[in-house]
Amino acid sequence: SGLTCGYYLSFEGYDVDLFEAEEACGGWLRYGIPEYRLPKAILDQEIDLMCAGGMKVHTGMALGKDVFLADLSRDYDAVYLAIGAQNAVPMPVPGSDLQGCYLGVDFLKAHAKGHTPVTGKKVAIVGGGNTAIDCARTCIRLGAEVSIIYRRTKDEMPAEKFEIEAAEHEGVKFHYLSNPVEYLGENGLLREVKIEKMKLGDPDASGRRRPEPTGEYFTEEFDSIIAAI
């Protein structure tokens, strides 16, 4: 959003300075979408084109730390804030403080920055959206055995159909109508996930049939779990 705003304004003749907290621009295009889906060399070319109108990019400048809104408001005629949605949605499951429990966008960002968390050989992904698929296919590329746990069926998954099919083709396993209810560990490390079988009830506000608990459980061993809900 910030790049887009600066692109249009600079080509209309305005002097534009863009302040970016990270070492490079692109937001979730760079730090969320994996390399296999969006090569960063292509992203860099696009950003170079966006800067062709004269927009100046200042990286490593975090709002509230390196640059302050009061100063920007004084020094510029207008200020556009485009800090995005940066926080992962937590999954409050007992045992989620164990080592080996991660959140989807945090995992993808760490991986993109070269600080890939230790996942082990067997990884569970919770969720049915594109972020869950991105996490799963990234872990496949790290050499892990990957299972996606999703509380509805394949038909209700919000991820793109071609992404789901690609994940299947690459060897990702799917536990449909399943919901993790507890993470079980040993010496502070994740060891097992307790999973409840679900059934579909009436449609909810999203128009999809609501997942309902059945009271039936099973456990499966995992070295790590990534909640991408």
Protein backbone atom coordinates (compact mmCIF):
# COMPACT_ATOMS: atom_id res chain seq x y z
CA SER A 1 0.00 0.00 0.00
CA GLY A 2 2.81 2.39 0.85
CA LEU A 3 4.70 1.62 -2.35
CA THR A 4 1.53 1.99 -4.40
CA CYS A 5 0.67 5.35 -2.85
CA GLY A 6 4.21 6.61 -3.42
CA TYR A 7 4.21 5.29 -6.99
CA TYR A 8 1.12 7.24 -8.03
CA LEU A 9 2.06 10.43 -6.17
CA SER A 10 5.63 10.52 -7.50
CA PHE A 11 4.48 10.07 -11.09
CA GLU A 12 2.06 12.97 -10.55
CA GLY A 13 4.99 15.18 -9.64
CA TYR A 14 5.08 15.03 -5.85
CA ASP A 15 8.31 14.60 -3.89
CA VAL A 16 7.87 11.34 -1.99
CA ASP A 17 9.95 9.82 0.80
CA LEU A 18 9.08 6.29 1.86
CA PHE A 19 10.22 5.04 5.29
CA GLU A 20 10.43 1.25 5.65
CA ALA A 21 11.16 -0.51 8.94
CA GLU A 22 12.66 -3.62 7.35
CA GLU A 23 15.90 -3.91 5.40
CA ALA A 24 13.98 -4.05 2.11
CA CYS A 25 10.57 -2.97 0.80
CA GLY A 26 7.67 -5.20 -0.14
CA GLY A 27 5.92 -6.01 3.13
CA TRP A 28 4.22 -9.41 3.06
CA LEU A 29 5.07 -9.79 -0.62
CA ARG A 30 8.68 -10.12 0.52
CA TYR A 31 8.36 -11.54 4.03
CA GLY A 32 5.17 -13.60 3.75
CA ILE A 33 4.86 -15.06 0.26
CA PRO A 34 7.51 -17.77 -0.20
CA GLU A 35 10.24 -17.57 -2.83
CA TYR A 36 8.77 -20.41 -4.90
CA ARG A 37 5.57 -18.39 -5.40
CA LEU A 38 7.11 -14.94 -5.81
CA PRO A 39 10.83 -14.80 -6.67
CA LYS A 40 12.32 -11.82 -4.87
CA ALA A 41 14.38 -10.84 -7.92
CA ILE A 42 11.09 -10.16 -9.72
CA LEU A 43 9.75 -8.23 -6.73
CA ASP A 44 12.92 -6.10 -6.70
CA GLN A 45 12.46 -5.31 -10.40
CA GLU A 46 8.86 -4.23 -9.76
CA ILE A 47 9.91 -1.97 -6.87
CA ASP A 48 12.63 -0.41 -9.02
CA LEU A 49 9.97 0.42 -11.62
CA MET A 50 7.74 1.93 -8.92
CA CYS A 51 10.63 4.18 -7.85
CA ALA A 52 11.30 5.39 -11.42
CA GLY A 53 9.15 8.47 -10.76
CA GLY A 54 11.59 9.72 -8.15
CA MET A 55 10.25 8.15 -4.93
CA LYS A 56 13.10 7.89 -2.40
CA VAL A 57 13.13 4.78 -0.19
CA HIS A 58 14.70 4.87 3.30
CA THR A 59 14.97 1.35 4.78
CA GLY A 60 15.64 0.40 8.38
CA MET A 61 13.45 3.28 9.58
CA ALA A 62 10.85 2.06 12.07
CA LEU A 63 7.98 4.34 13.08
CA GLY A 64 8.22 5.26 16.75
CA LYS A 65 11.88 4.25 16.92
CA ASP A 66 13.87 5.79 14.07
CA VAL A 67 11.26 8.21 12.76
CA PHE A 68 8.39 9.86 14.63
CA LEU A 69 4.94 10.92 13.50
CA ALA A 70 5.22 14.36 15.10
CA ASP A 71 8.40 15.07 13.13
CA LEU A 72 6.92 13.77 9.87
CA SER A 73 3.80 15.89 10.35
CA ARG A 74 5.99 18.95 10.83
CA ASP A 75 8.38 18.31 7.93
CA TYR A 76 5.94 17.07 5.27
CA ASP A 77 2.71 18.42 3.75
CA ALA A 78 1.03 15.02 4.11
CA VAL A 79 1.78 11.71 5.81
CA TYR A 80 0.36 8.36 4.68
CA LEU A 81 0.56 5.49 7.19
CA ALA A 82 0.66 2.03 5.59
CA ILE A 83 2.03 -0.22 8.33
CA GLY A 84 -0.22 -3.18 7.43
CA ALA A 85 -1.51 -6.07 9.53
CA GLN A 86 1.62 -7.55 11.06
CA ASN A 87 0.53 -9.67 14.01
CA ALA A 88 -0.20 -13.37 13.72
CA VAL A 89 -3.51 -14.67 15.11
CA PRO A 90 -2.68 -16.69 18.26
CA MET A 91 -4.17 -20.13 18.82
CA PRO A 92 -4.90 -20.53 22.56
CA VAL A 93 -4.36 -24.28 22.88
CA PRO A 94 -3.00 -25.83 26.11
CA GLY A 95 0.70 -26.50 25.57
CA SER A 96 1.17 -23.77 22.92
CA ASP A 97 4.12 -22.44 24.96
CA LEU A 98 6.12 -25.61 24.23
CA GLN A 99 9.22 -25.34 22.07
CA GLY A 100 8.27 -26.27 18.53
CA CYS A 101 4.97 -24.33 18.47
CA TYR A 102 4.92 -21.48 15.94
CA LEU A 103 2.51 -19.04 14.30
CA GLY A 104 2.12 -18.99 10.52
CA VAL A 105 3.12 -15.49 9.45
CA ASP A 106 5.89 -15.37 12.08
CA PHE A 107 7.30 -18.61 10.68
CA LEU A 108 7.17 -17.39 7.07
CA LYS A 109 8.76 -14.05 7.95
CA ALA A 110 11.58 -15.68 9.91
CA HIS A 111 12.21 -18.07 7.01
CA ALA A 112 12.25 -15.23 4.47
CA LYS A 113 14.81 -13.36 6.59
CA GLY A 114 17.09 -16.39 6.80
CA HIS A 115 16.22 -17.35 10.38
CA THR A 116 14.15 -20.47 9.74
CA PRO A 117 12.86 -21.97 13.01
CA VAL A 118 13.83 -25.55 13.80
CA THR A 119 10.90 -27.71 12.71
CA GLY A 120 12.21 -31.26 12.97
CA LYS A 121 11.18 -34.04 10.63
CA LYS A 122 7.42 -34.18 11.25
CA VAL A 123 5.44 -30.94 11.07
CA ALA A 124 1.73 -30.16 11.58
CA ILE A 125 0.09 -27.09 10.06
CA VAL A 126 -3.24 -25.85 11.45
CA GLY A 127 -5.54 -23.99 9.08
CA GLY A 128 -7.04 -24.09 5.61
CA GLY A 129 -6.05 -20.79 4.00
CA ASN A 130 -3.23 -19.79 1.69
CA THR A 131 -0.95 -19.02 4.64
CA ALA A 132 -1.36 -22.60 5.88
CA ILE A 133 -0.55 -23.93 2.42
CA ASP A 134 2.47 -21.61 2.17
CA CYS A 135 3.76 -22.93 5.51
CA ALA A 136 3.15 -26.54 4.47
CA ARG A 137 4.88 -26.26 1.10
CA THR A 138 7.78 -24.35 2.68
CA CYS A 139 8.27 -27.14 5.22
CA ILE A 140 8.14 -29.74 2.43
CA ARG A 141 11.02 -27.85 0.82
CA LEU A 142 12.89 -28.03 4.13
CA GLY A 143 12.67 -31.82 3.94
CA ALA A 144 9.94 -32.36 6.51
CA GLU A 145 6.96 -34.72 6.51
CA VAL A 146 3.98 -32.35 6.64
CA SER A 147 0.33 -32.75 7.67
CA ILE A 148 -2.35 -30.05 7.49
CA ILE A 149 -5.01 -30.19 10.21
CA TYR A 150 -8.24 -28.50 9.13
CA ARG A 151 -11.54 -28.50 10.98
CA ARG A 152 -13.78 -28.53 7.90
CA THR A 153 -13.58 -30.54 4.66
CA LYS A 154 -11.58 -29.87 1.51
CA ASP A 155 -14.62 -28.21 -0.10
CA GLU A 156 -14.69 -25.52 2.60
CA MET A 157 -10.97 -24.68 2.49
CA PRO A 158 -10.49 -20.97 1.67
CA ALA A 159 -7.09 -21.59 0.05
CA GLU A 160 -6.85 -21.42 -3.73
CA LYS A 161 -7.79 -24.75 -5.29
CA PHE A 162 -4.57 -24.94 -7.32
CA GLU A 163 -2.54 -24.34 -4.13
CA ILE A 164 -4.27 -27.25 -2.39
CA GLU A 165 -3.68 -29.52 -5.39
CA ALA A 166 -0.03 -28.48 -5.55
CA ALA A 167 0.40 -29.30 -1.86
CA GLU A 168 -1.17 -32.71 -2.40
CA HIS A 169 1.12 -33.33 -5.37
CA GLU A 170 4.15 -32.43 -3.26
CA GLY A 171 3.23 -34.92 -0.55
CA VAL A 172 1.41 -32.87 2.07
CA LYS A 173 -1.06 -35.01 4.04
CA PHE A 174 -4.46 -33.64 5.08
CA HIS A 175 -6.42 -34.35 8.27
CA TYR A 176 -9.87 -33.00 7.43
CA LEU A 177 -12.64 -32.54 10.02
CA SER A 178 -9.96 -32.34 12.69
CA ASN A 179 -9.09 -29.75 15.31
CA PRO A 180 -6.09 -29.73 17.70
CA VAL A 181 -7.18 -29.35 21.31
CA GLU A 182 -3.92 -29.89 23.23
CA TYR A 183 -0.19 -29.92 22.57
CA LEU A 184 1.65 -32.54 24.61
CA GLY A 185 5.35 -32.23 25.39
CA GLU A 186 8.33 -33.68 27.15
CA ASN A 187 11.12 -31.61 28.74
CA GLY A 188 9.60 -28.47 27.26
CA LEU A 189 9.56 -29.85 23.70
CA LEU A 190 6.47 -30.66 21.64
CA ARG A 191 5.99 -34.40 21.19
CA GLU A 192 2.33 -35.09 20.38
CA VAL A 193 -0.83 -33.28 19.36
CA LYS A 194 -4.24 -34.32 20.69
CA ILE A 195 -6.79 -33.88 17.91
CA GLU A 196 -10.59 -33.93 18.10
CA LYS A 197 -12.65 -35.26 15.20
CA MET A 198 -15.21 -32.75 13.98
CA LYS A 199 -18.49 -32.86 12.06
CA LEU A 200 -20.20 -30.20 9.96
CA GLY A 201 -23.34 -28.52 11.26
CA ASP A 202 -25.41 -25.62 9.94
CA PRO A 203 -23.78 -22.77 7.96
CA ASP A 204 -22.21 -19.96 10.00
CA ALA A 205 -21.74 -16.25 9.14
CA SER A 206 -19.14 -17.14 6.50
CA GLY A 207 -21.68 -19.27 4.63
CA ARG A 208 -19.69 -22.42 5.31
CA ARG A 209 -21.05 -25.23 7.47
CA ARG A 210 -19.94 -24.81 11.06
CA PRO A 211 -17.49 -27.40 12.45
CA GLU A 212 -18.84 -29.04 15.60
CA PRO A 213 -16.98 -31.25 18.11
CA THR A 214 -17.75 -34.97 18.27
CA GLY A 215 -15.98 -35.90 21.50
CA GLU A 216 -13.78 -38.39 19.62
CA TYR A 217 -10.02 -37.89 19.87
CA PHE A 218 -6.76 -39.25 18.51
CA THR A 219 -3.13 -38.28 19.04
CA GLU A 220 -0.27 -38.06 16.57
CA GLU A 221 3.42 -37.41 17.09
CA PHE A 222 4.85 -34.17 15.70
CA ASP A 223 8.16 -32.38 16.17
CA SER A 224 6.58 -28.97 15.57
CA ILE A 225 3.24 -27.36 14.83
CA ILE A 226 2.49 -24.12 12.98
CA ALA A 227 -0.85 -22.42 13.63
CA ALA A 228 -1.89 -20.53 10.50
CA ILE A 229 -5.52 -19.75 11.28
